[in-house]
Amino acid sequence: MITRLRKESKKILRPIASALSKLGISANLMTIIGLVLALLYFIIIMLFRNPLYGLVLIIFSSLADALDGEIARITGKAGVLGSFLDSSLDRIEDTLFLSALCFLGFQSYLVAILVGLSLIIPYLRAKAESLGIKAEGKGIIERGERLIFIMIILLISMFYFQISTYIFYIFIILSAITVIQRFFLVSSSLPK
Protein backbone atom coordinates (compact mmCIF):
# COMPACT_ATOMS: atom_id res chain seq x y z
CA MET A 1 0.00 0.00 0.00
CA ILE A 2 2.54 2.58 1.21
CA THR A 3 5.10 1.22 -1.26
CA ARG A 4 2.94 2.63 -4.08
CA LEU A 5 2.82 6.06 -2.43
CA ARG A 6 6.61 6.28 -2.23
CA LYS A 7 6.83 7.32 -5.88
CA GLU A 8 4.54 10.27 -5.23
CA SER A 9 6.35 11.25 -2.02
CA LYS A 10 9.62 11.62 -3.94
CA LYS A 11 8.29 14.89 -5.36
CA ILE A 12 8.43 16.29 -1.82
CA LEU A 13 11.43 14.36 -0.50
CA ARG A 14 13.80 14.93 -3.42
CA PRO A 15 14.18 18.73 -2.93
CA ILE A 16 14.67 18.28 0.83
CA ALA A 17 17.24 15.52 0.24
CA SER A 18 19.00 17.68 -2.34
CA ALA A 19 19.25 20.59 0.11
CA LEU A 20 20.55 18.30 2.87
CA SER A 21 23.17 16.75 0.59
CA LYS A 22 24.39 20.26 -0.33
CA LEU A 23 24.85 20.89 3.40
CA GLY A 24 27.15 17.84 3.49
CA ILE A 25 24.72 15.45 5.18
CA SER A 26 25.34 11.94 3.88
CA ALA A 27 22.78 9.16 3.59
CA ASN A 28 24.50 7.16 6.34
CA LEU A 29 24.47 10.18 8.66
CA MET A 30 20.74 10.62 7.99
CA THR A 31 20.21 6.93 8.81
CA ILE A 32 22.02 7.44 12.13
CA ILE A 33 19.97 10.59 12.83
CA GLY A 34 16.84 8.46 12.38
CA LEU A 35 18.17 5.99 14.96
CA VAL A 36 19.05 8.75 17.43
CA LEU A 37 15.52 10.15 17.11
CA ALA A 38 14.10 6.66 17.71
CA LEU A 39 16.23 6.34 20.86
CA LEU A 40 15.00 9.76 22.02
CA TYR A 41 11.43 8.63 21.31
CA PHE A 42 11.89 5.58 23.53
CA ILE A 43 13.53 7.54 26.36
CA ILE A 44 10.94 10.35 26.25
CA ILE A 45 8.02 7.90 26.30
CA MET A 46 9.68 5.94 29.12
CA LEU A 47 10.34 9.04 31.24
CA PHE A 48 7.31 11.20 30.54
CA ARG A 49 4.69 8.73 29.30
CA ASN A 50 3.55 11.42 26.87
CA PRO A 51 2.29 10.14 23.49
CA LEU A 52 2.45 13.62 21.93
CA TYR A 53 6.24 13.86 22.39
CA GLY A 54 6.56 10.35 21.02
CA LEU A 55 4.40 11.19 18.02
CA VAL A 56 6.57 14.19 17.10
CA LEU A 57 9.78 12.17 17.42
CA ILE A 58 8.50 9.18 15.42
CA ILE A 59 7.43 11.54 12.62
CA PHE A 60 10.91 13.08 12.44
CA SER A 61 12.61 9.69 12.70
CA SER A 62 10.43 8.37 9.86
CA LEU A 63 11.24 11.43 7.78
CA ALA A 64 14.96 10.82 8.33
CA ASP A 65 14.44 7.21 7.24
CA ALA A 66 12.67 8.34 4.07
CA LEU A 67 15.38 10.90 3.29
CA ASP A 68 18.42 8.64 3.66
CA GLY A 69 17.64 6.67 0.49
CA GLU A 70 16.90 9.84 -1.46
CA ILE A 71 20.20 11.40 -0.38
CA ALA A 72 22.04 8.23 -1.42
CA ARG A 73 20.42 8.32 -4.87
CA ILE A 74 21.00 12.06 -5.39
CA THR A 75 24.66 11.85 -4.42
CA GLY A 76 25.19 8.59 -6.34
CA LYS A 77 26.44 6.91 -3.19
CA ALA A 78 23.80 4.21 -2.82
CA GLY A 79 25.73 1.08 -1.94
CA VAL A 80 25.72 -2.15 -0.02
CA LEU A 81 27.06 -0.61 3.21
CA GLY A 82 24.30 2.00 3.27
CA SER A 83 21.69 -0.62 2.43
CA PHE A 84 22.93 -2.87 5.24
CA LEU A 85 23.10 0.01 7.72
CA ASP A 86 19.61 1.25 6.81
CA SER A 87 18.00 -2.18 7.01
CA SER A 88 19.71 -3.09 10.29
CA LEU A 89 18.94 0.20 12.03
CA ASP A 90 15.33 0.06 10.80
CA ARG A 91 14.89 -3.15 12.83
CA ILE A 92 16.31 -1.45 15.94
CA GLU A 93 14.04 1.54 15.39
CA ASP A 94 10.98 -0.68 14.93
CA THR A 95 11.79 -2.45 18.19
CA LEU A 96 12.14 0.88 20.03
CA PHE A 97 8.96 2.33 18.55
CA LEU A 98 6.89 -0.69 19.55
CA SER A 99 8.54 -1.48 22.89
CA ALA A 100 7.81 2.01 24.19
CA LEU A 101 4.08 1.24 24.00
CA CYS A 102 4.53 -0.73 27.25
CA PHE A 103 5.15 2.57 29.05
CA LEU A 104 1.84 3.94 27.78
CA GLY A 105 -0.19 1.11 29.31
CA PHE A 106 -0.31 -1.48 26.54
CA GLN A 107 0.10 -5.06 27.76
CA SER A 108 3.78 -5.98 27.61
CA TYR A 109 3.26 -9.56 26.41
CA LEU A 110 1.18 -8.28 23.47
CA VAL A 111 3.80 -5.64 22.71
CA ALA A 112 6.42 -8.43 22.73
CA ILE A 113 4.33 -10.45 20.27
CA LEU A 114 3.97 -7.39 18.02
CA VAL A 115 7.73 -6.74 18.15
CA GLY A 116 8.34 -10.36 17.12
CA LEU A 117 5.87 -10.19 14.24
CA SER A 118 7.33 -6.86 13.11
CA LEU A 119 10.79 -8.40 12.94
CA ILE A 120 9.62 -11.57 11.16
CA ILE A 121 7.92 -9.61 8.35
CA PRO A 122 11.13 -7.99 6.99
CA TYR A 123 13.07 -11.20 7.67
CA LEU A 124 10.70 -13.11 5.39
CA ARG A 125 11.10 -10.44 2.72
CA ALA A 126 14.90 -10.58 2.97
CA LYS A 127 14.89 -14.38 2.86
CA ALA A 128 12.51 -14.37 -0.11
CA GLU A 129 14.69 -11.94 -2.01
CA SER A 130 17.81 -13.99 -1.24
CA LEU A 131 15.98 -16.88 -2.94
CA GLY A 132 15.07 -14.72 -5.94
CA ILE A 133 11.42 -14.18 -4.93
CA LYS A 134 10.00 -10.63 -5.01
CA ALA A 135 8.32 -9.92 -1.66
CA GLU A 136 8.23 -6.12 -1.56
CA GLY A 137 4.65 -4.93 -1.55
CA LYS A 138 3.39 -8.39 -0.58
CA GLY A 139 1.24 -8.56 2.53
CA ILE A 140 -1.04 -6.16 4.34
CA ILE A 141 1.48 -4.54 6.72
CA GLU A 142 4.88 -3.35 5.57
CA ARG A 143 7.12 -0.94 7.45
CA GLY A 144 5.30 2.18 6.28
CA GLU A 145 1.98 0.82 7.45
CA ARG A 146 3.49 -0.26 10.78
CA LEU A 147 4.79 3.26 11.39
CA ILE A 148 1.41 4.74 10.52
CA PHE A 149 -0.30 2.33 12.91
CA ILE A 150 2.05 3.37 15.72
CA MET A 151 1.43 7.05 14.98
CA ILE A 152 -2.35 6.53 14.99
CA ILE A 153 -2.14 4.59 18.27
CA LEU A 154 -0.09 7.39 19.85
CA LEU A 155 -2.45 10.08 18.58
CA ILE A 156 -5.66 8.36 19.68
CA SER A 157 -4.22 7.23 23.03
CA MET A 158 -3.97 10.90 24.01
CA PHE A 159 -7.76 11.17 23.94
CA TYR A 160 -9.31 7.67 23.96
CA PHE A 161 -6.99 5.00 25.31
CA GLN A 162 -9.61 2.24 24.91
CA ILE A 163 -10.01 2.98 21.20
CA SER A 164 -6.23 3.00 20.75
CA THR A 165 -6.19 -0.44 22.40
CA TYR A 166 -8.60 -1.77 19.76
CA ILE A 167 -6.39 -0.32 17.03
CA PHE A 168 -3.42 -2.01 18.72
CA TYR A 169 -5.25 -5.38 18.56
CA ILE A 170 -6.04 -4.83 14.86
CA PHE A 171 -2.35 -4.02 14.32
CA ILE A 172 -1.34 -7.36 15.88
CA ILE A 173 -3.88 -9.31 13.80
CA LEU A 174 -2.86 -7.64 10.52
CA SER A 175 0.83 -8.22 11.33
CA ALA A 176 0.15 -11.92 11.96
CA ILE A 177 -1.76 -12.14 8.67
CA THR A 178 1.19 -10.51 6.87
CA VAL A 179 3.59 -13.09 8.35
CA ILE A 180 1.31 -15.86 7.07
CA GLN A 181 0.96 -14.20 3.65
CA ARG A 182 4.71 -13.86 3.22
CA PHE A 183 5.39 -17.37 4.53
CA PHE A 184 3.03 -18.85 1.95
CA LEU A 185 4.36 -16.57 -0.78
CA VAL A 186 7.87 -17.92 -0.24
CA SER A 187 6.94 -21.55 0.40
CA SER A 188 4.60 -21.73 -2.60
CA SER A 189 7.24 -20.16 -4.89
CA LEU A 190 9.92 -22.72 -4.05
CA PRO A 191 10.35 -25.96 -5.98
CA LYS A 192 8.67 -28.93 -4.32
C-alpha atoms as a PDB file:
ATOM      1  CA  MET A   1       0.000   0.000   0.000  1.00  0.00           C
ATOM      2  CA  ILE A   2       2.545   2.582   1.208  1.00  0.00           C
ATOM      3  CA  THR A   3       5.098   1.216  -1.261  1.00  0.00           C
ATOM      4  CA  ARG A   4       2.936   2.635  -4.079  1.00  0.00           C
ATOM      5  CA  LEU A   5       2.816   6.058  -2.433  1.00  0.00           C
ATOM      6  CA  ARG A   6       6.611   6.281  -2.232  1.00  0.00           C
ATOM      7  CA  LYS A   7       6.825   7.318  -5.876  1.00  0.00           C
ATOM      8  CA  GLU A   8       4.539  10.272  -5.230  1.00  0.00           C
ATOM      9  CA  SER A   9       6.349  11.255  -2.021  1.00  0.00           C
ATOM     10  CA  LYS A  10       9.617  11.618  -3.936  1.00  0.00           C
ATOM     11  CA  LYS A  11       8.289  14.889  -5.358  1.00  0.00           C
ATOM     12  CA  ILE A  12       8.428  16.286  -1.820  1.00  0.00           C
ATOM     13  CA  LEU A  13      11.432  14.356  -0.496  1.00  0.00           C
ATOM     14  CA  ARG A  14      13.796  14.935  -3.425  1.00  0.00           C
ATOM     15  CA  PRO A  15      14.176  18.733  -2.933  1.00  0.00           C
ATOM     16  CA  ILE A  16      14.673  18.277   0.830  1.00  0.00           C
ATOM     17  CA  ALA A  17      17.237  15.521   0.241  1.00  0.00           C
ATOM     18  CA  SER A  18      19.000  17.676  -2.342  1.00  0.00           C
ATOM     19  CA  ALA A  19      19.248  20.591   0.114  1.00  0.00           C
ATOM     20  CA  LEU A  20      20.547  18.303   2.874  1.00  0.00           C
ATOM     21  CA  SER A  21      23.170  16.751   0.595  1.00  0.00           C
ATOM     22  CA  LYS A  22      24.386  20.257  -0.334  1.00  0.00           C
ATOM     23  CA  LEU A  23      24.848  20.890   3.395  1.00  0.00           C
ATOM     24  CA  GLY A  24      27.146  17.837   3.487  1.00  0.00           C
ATOM     25  CA  ILE A  25      24.718  15.446   5.185  1.00  0.00           C
ATOM     26  CA  SER A  26      25.341  11.938   3.884  1.00  0.00           C
ATOM     27  CA  ALA A  27      22.779   9.162   3.588  1.00  0.00           C
ATOM     28  CA  ASN A  28      24.497   7.164   6.337  1.00  0.00           C
ATOM     29  CA  LEU A  29      24.472  10.179   8.662  1.00  0.00           C
ATOM     30  CA  MET A  30      20.742  10.623   7.987  1.00  0.00           C
ATOM     31  CA  THR A  31      20.205   6.927   8.813  1.00  0.00           C
ATOM     32  CA  ILE A  32      22.022   7.440  12.126  1.00  0.00           C
ATOM     33  CA  ILE A  33      19.968  10.586  12.830  1.00  0.00           C
ATOM     34  CA  GLY A  34      16.840   8.456  12.385  1.00  0.00           C
ATOM     35  CA  LEU A  35      18.171   5.987  14.963  1.00  0.00           C
ATOM     36  CA  VAL A  36      19.054   8.755  17.434  1.00  0.00           C
ATOM     37  CA  LEU A  37      15.517  10.151  17.109  1.00  0.00           C
ATOM     38  CA  ALA A  38      14.105   6.663  17.706  1.00  0.00           C
ATOM     39  CA  LEU A  39      16.228   6.336  20.857  1.00  0.00           C
ATOM     40  CA  LEU A  40      14.998   9.763  22.025  1.00  0.00           C
ATOM     41  CA  TYR A  41      11.426   8.635  21.308  1.00  0.00           C
ATOM     42  CA  PHE A  42      11.885   5.576  23.530  1.00  0.00           C
ATOM     43  CA  ILE A  43      13.527   7.545  26.357  1.00  0.00           C
ATOM     44  CA  ILE A  44      10.937  10.351  26.251  1.00  0.00           C
ATOM     45  CA  ILE A  45       8.024   7.898  26.298  1.00  0.00           C
ATOM     46  CA  MET A  46       9.683   5.943  29.124  1.00  0.00           C
ATOM     47  CA  LEU A  47      10.344   9.039  31.241  1.00  0.00           C
ATOM     48  CA  PHE A  48       7.306  11.200  30.542  1.00  0.00           C
ATOM     49  CA  ARG A  49       4.687   8.726  29.300  1.00  0.00           C
ATOM     50  CA  ASN A  50       3.548  11.419  26.872  1.00  0.00           C
ATOM     51  CA  PRO A  51       2.289  10.135  23.493  1.00  0.00           C
ATOM     52  CA  LEU A  52       2.452  13.619  21.925  1.00  0.00           C
ATOM     53  CA  TYR A  53       6.236  13.856  22.392  1.00  0.00           C
ATOM     54  CA  GLY A  54       6.555  10.349  21.021  1.00  0.00           C
ATOM     55  CA  LEU A  55       4.403  11.191  18.017  1.00  0.00           C
ATOM     56  CA  VAL A  56       6.571  14.188  17.103  1.00  0.00           C
ATOM     57  CA  LEU A  57       9.784  12.166  17.423  1.00  0.00           C
ATOM     58  CA  ILE A  58       8.504   9.184  15.425  1.00  0.00           C
ATOM     59  CA  ILE A  59       7.427  11.538  12.619  1.00  0.00           C
ATOM     60  CA  PHE A  60      10.912  13.079  12.439  1.00  0.00           C
ATOM     61  CA  SER A  61      12.608   9.686  12.701  1.00  0.00           C
ATOM     62  CA  SER A  62      10.427   8.370   9.858  1.00  0.00           C
ATOM     63  CA  LEU A  63      11.240  11.433   7.781  1.00  0.00           C
ATOM     64  CA  ALA A  64      14.962  10.825   8.330  1.00  0.00           C
ATOM     65  CA  ASP A  65      14.441   7.214   7.239  1.00  0.00           C
ATOM     66  CA  ALA A  66      12.675   8.345   4.070  1.00  0.00           C
ATOM     67  CA  LEU A  67      15.382  10.901   3.293  1.00  0.00           C
ATOM     68  CA  ASP A  68      18.421   8.642   3.656  1.00  0.00           C
ATOM     69  CA  GLY A  69      17.641   6.674   0.493  1.00  0.00           C
ATOM     70  CA  GLU A  70      16.903   9.838  -1.459  1.00  0.00           C
ATOM     71  CA  ILE A  71      20.200  11.404  -0.376  1.00  0.00           C
ATOM     72  CA  ALA A  72      22.036   8.232  -1.421  1.00  0.00           C
ATOM     73  CA  ARG A  73      20.420   8.320  -4.867  1.00  0.00           C
ATOM     74  CA  ILE A  74      20.999  12.057  -5.385  1.00  0.00           C
ATOM     75  CA  THR A  75      24.663  11.848  -4.418  1.00  0.00           C
ATOM     76  CA  GLY A  76      25.185   8.591  -6.335  1.00  0.00           C
ATOM     77  CA  LYS A  77      26.439   6.914  -3.185  1.00  0.00           C
ATOM     78  CA  ALA A  78      23.805   4.207  -2.817  1.00  0.00           C
ATOM     79  CA  GLY A  79      25.735   1.084  -1.941  1.00  0.00           C
ATOM     80  CA  VAL A  80      25.724  -2.153  -0.022  1.00  0.00           C
ATOM     81  CA  LEU A  81      27.056  -0.611   3.213  1.00  0.00           C
ATOM     82  CA  GLY A  82      24.304   2.002   3.266  1.00  0.00           C
ATOM     83  CA  SER A  83      21.691  -0.618   2.432  1.00  0.00           C
ATOM     84  CA  PHE A  84      22.934  -2.873   5.240  1.00  0.00           C
ATOM     85  CA  LEU A  85      23.098   0.007   7.722  1.00  0.00           C
ATOM     86  CA  ASP A  86      19.612   1.248   6.813  1.00  0.00           C
ATOM     87  CA  SER A  87      17.996  -2.178   7.011  1.00  0.00           C
ATOM     88  CA  SER A  88      19.712  -3.088  10.288  1.00  0.00           C
ATOM     89  CA  LEU A  89      18.942   0.197  12.027  1.00  0.00           C
ATOM     90  CA  ASP A  90      15.330   0.055  10.798  1.00  0.00           C
ATOM     91  CA  ARG A  91      14.886  -3.148  12.829  1.00  0.00           C
ATOM     92  CA  ILE A  92      16.312  -1.453  15.936  1.00  0.00           C
ATOM     93  CA  GLU A  93      14.041   1.542  15.391  1.00  0.00           C
ATOM     94  CA  ASP A  94      10.983  -0.681  14.925  1.00  0.00           C
ATOM     95  CA  THR A  95      11.795  -2.448  18.192  1.00  0.00           C
ATOM     96  CA  LEU A  96      12.144   0.877  20.029  1.00  0.00           C
ATOM     97  CA  PHE A  97       8.956   2.327  18.548  1.00  0.00           C
ATOM     98  CA  LEU A  98       6.891  -0.689  19.550  1.00  0.00           C
ATOM     99  CA  SER A  99       8.536  -1.482  22.895  1.00  0.00           C
ATOM    100  CA  ALA A 100       7.812   2.010  24.192  1.00  0.00           C
ATOM    101  CA  LEU A 101       4.084   1.239  24.002  1.00  0.00           C
ATOM    102  CA  CYS A 102       4.532  -0.726  27.254  1.00  0.00           C
ATOM    103  CA  PHE A 103       5.145   2.571  29.053  1.00  0.00           C
ATOM    104  CA  LEU A 104       1.835   3.936  27.778  1.00  0.00           C
ATOM    105  CA  GLY A 105      -0.191   1.112  29.306  1.00  0.00           C
ATOM    106  CA  PHE A 106      -0.312  -1.484  26.541  1.00  0.00           C
ATOM    107  CA  GLN A 107       0.103  -5.063  27.756  1.00  0.00           C
ATOM    108  CA  SER A 108       3.776  -5.981  27.614  1.00  0.00           C
ATOM    109  CA  TYR A 109       3.264  -9.557  26.415  1.00  0.00           C
ATOM    110  CA  LEU A 110       1.184  -8.284  23.470  1.00  0.00           C
ATOM    111  CA  VAL A 111       3.801  -5.642  22.712  1.00  0.00           C
ATOM    112  CA  ALA A 112       6.421  -8.433  22.725  1.00  0.00           C
ATOM    113  CA  ILE A 113       4.326 -10.449  20.269  1.00  0.00           C
ATOM    114  CA  LEU A 114       3.973  -7.389  18.020  1.00  0.00           C
ATOM    115  CA  VAL A 115       7.728  -6.744  18.146  1.00  0.00           C
ATOM    116  CA  GLY A 116       8.336 -10.360  17.121  1.00  0.00           C
ATOM    117  CA  LEU A 117       5.868 -10.185  14.244  1.00  0.00           C
ATOM    118  CA  SER A 118       7.326  -6.861  13.112  1.00  0.00           C
ATOM    119  CA  LEU A 119      10.791  -8.403  12.942  1.00  0.00           C
ATOM    120  CA  ILE A 120       9.623 -11.570  11.164  1.00  0.00           C
ATOM    121  CA  ILE A 121       7.918  -9.608   8.347  1.00  0.00           C
ATOM    122  CA  PRO A 122      11.129  -7.990   6.986  1.00  0.00           C
ATOM    123  CA  TYR A 123      13.072 -11.196   7.667  1.00  0.00           C
ATOM    124  CA  LEU A 124      10.697 -13.109   5.389  1.00  0.00           C
ATOM    125  CA  ARG A 125      11.105 -10.436   2.721  1.00  0.00           C
ATOM    126  CA  ALA A 126      14.904 -10.579   2.969  1.00  0.00           C
ATOM    127  CA  LYS A 127      14.888 -14.382   2.856  1.00  0.00           C
ATOM    128  CA  ALA A 128      12.505 -14.372  -0.113  1.00  0.00           C
ATOM    129  CA  GLU A 129      14.694 -11.938  -2.009  1.00  0.00           C
ATOM    130  CA  SER A 130      17.809 -13.992  -1.236  1.00  0.00           C
ATOM    131  CA  LEU A 131      15.975 -16.881  -2.936  1.00  0.00           C
ATOM    132  CA  GLY A 132      15.065 -14.717  -5.936  1.00  0.00           C
ATOM    133  CA  ILE A 133      11.415 -14.178  -4.930  1.00  0.00           C
ATOM    134  CA  LYS A 134      10.000 -10.629  -5.005  1.00  0.00           C
ATOM    135  CA  ALA A 135       8.317  -9.925  -1.665  1.00  0.00           C
ATOM    136  CA  GLU A 136       8.233  -6.124  -1.556  1.00  0.00           C
ATOM    137  CA  GLY A 137       4.647  -4.929  -1.545  1.00  0.00           C
ATOM    138  CA  LYS A 138       3.387  -8.385  -0.577  1.00  0.00           C
ATOM    139  CA  GLY A 139       1.243  -8.558   2.531  1.00  0.00           C
ATOM    140  CA  ILE A 140      -1.035  -6.158   4.341  1.00  0.00           C
ATOM    141  CA  ILE A 141       1.477  -4.542   6.718  1.00  0.00           C
ATOM    142  CA  GLU A 142       4.883  -3.354   5.572  1.00  0.00           C
ATOM    143  CA  ARG A 143       7.125  -0.936   7.446  1.00  0.00           C
ATOM    144  CA  GLY A 144       5.299   2.176   6.279  1.00  0.00           C
ATOM    145  CA  GLU A 145       1.977   0.821   7.454  1.00  0.00           C
ATOM    146  CA  ARG A 146       3.495  -0.256  10.778  1.00  0.00           C
ATOM    147  CA  LEU A 147       4.793   3.264  11.391  1.00  0.00           C
ATOM    148  CA  ILE A 148       1.408   4.742  10.519  1.00  0.00           C
ATOM    149  CA  PHE A 149      -0.304   2.327  12.914  1.00  0.00           C
ATOM    150  CA  ILE A 150       2.050   3.365  15.720  1.00  0.00           C
ATOM    151  CA  MET A 151       1.426   7.055  14.975  1.00  0.00           C
ATOM    152  CA  ILE A 152      -2.354   6.526  14.994  1.00  0.00           C
ATOM    153  CA  ILE A 153      -2.140   4.586  18.274  1.00  0.00           C
ATOM    154  CA  LEU A 154      -0.088   7.395  19.847  1.00  0.00           C
ATOM    155  CA  LEU A 155      -2.450  10.085  18.579  1.00  0.00           C
ATOM    156  CA  ILE A 156      -5.657   8.364  19.678  1.00  0.00           C
ATOM    157  CA  SER A 157      -4.221   7.231  23.030  1.00  0.00           C
ATOM    158  CA  MET A 158      -3.967  10.903  24.013  1.00  0.00           C
ATOM    159  CA  PHE A 159      -7.761  11.170  23.944  1.00  0.00           C
ATOM    160  CA  TYR A 160      -9.310   7.674  23.957  1.00  0.00           C
ATOM    161  CA  PHE A 161      -6.993   4.997  25.306  1.00  0.00           C
ATOM    162  CA  GLN A 162      -9.608   2.243  24.909  1.00  0.00           C
ATOM    163  CA  ILE A 163     -10.012   2.984  21.198  1.00  0.00           C
ATOM    164  CA  SER A 164      -6.228   2.998  20.749  1.00  0.00           C
ATOM    165  CA  THR A 165      -6.193  -0.439  22.404  1.00  0.00           C
ATOM    166  CA  TYR A 166      -8.599  -1.768  19.765  1.00  0.00           C
ATOM    167  CA  ILE A 167      -6.389  -0.325  17.028  1.00  0.00           C
ATOM    168  CA  PHE A 168      -3.418  -2.011  18.718  1.00  0.00           C
ATOM    169  CA  TYR A 169      -5.250  -5.381  18.557  1.00  0.00           C
ATOM    170  CA  ILE A 170      -6.035  -4.828  14.865  1.00  0.00           C
ATOM    171  CA  PHE A 171      -2.349  -4.023  14.323  1.00  0.00           C
ATOM    172  CA  ILE A 172      -1.339  -7.359  15.875  1.00  0.00           C
ATOM    173  CA  ILE A 173      -3.877  -9.309  13.804  1.00  0.00           C
ATOM    174  CA  LEU A 174      -2.857  -7.645  10.518  1.00  0.00           C
ATOM    175  CA  SER A 175       0.832  -8.215  11.331  1.00  0.00           C
ATOM    176  CA  ALA A 176       0.151 -11.919  11.958  1.00  0.00           C
ATOM    177  CA  ILE A 177      -1.764 -12.137   8.669  1.00  0.00           C
ATOM    178  CA  THR A 178       1.192 -10.514   6.874  1.00  0.00           C
ATOM    179  CA  VAL A 179       3.593 -13.088   8.346  1.00  0.00           C
ATOM    180  CA  ILE A 180       1.307 -15.864   7.074  1.00  0.00           C
ATOM    181  CA  GLN A 181       0.959 -14.202   3.650  1.00  0.00           C
ATOM    182  CA  ARG A 182       4.715 -13.862   3.222  1.00  0.00           C
ATOM    183  CA  PHE A 183       5.390 -17.366   4.528  1.00  0.00           C
ATOM    184  CA  PHE A 184       3.026 -18.845   1.952  1.00  0.00           C
ATOM    185  CA  LEU A 185       4.359 -16.566  -0.781  1.00  0.00           C
ATOM    186  CA  VAL A 186       7.866 -17.925  -0.238  1.00  0.00           C
ATOM    187  CA  SER A 187       6.944 -21.552   0.404  1.00  0.00           C
ATOM    188  CA  SER A 188       4.604 -21.733  -2.599  1.00  0.00           C
ATOM    189  CA  SER A 189       7.238 -20.161  -4.888  1.00  0.00           C
ATOM    190  CA  LEU A 190       9.920 -22.723  -4.054  1.00  0.00           C
ATOM    191  CA  PRO A 191      10.353 -25.965  -5.977  1.00  0.00           C
ATOM    192  CA  LYS A 192       8.669 -28.934  -4.323  1.00  0.00           C
END
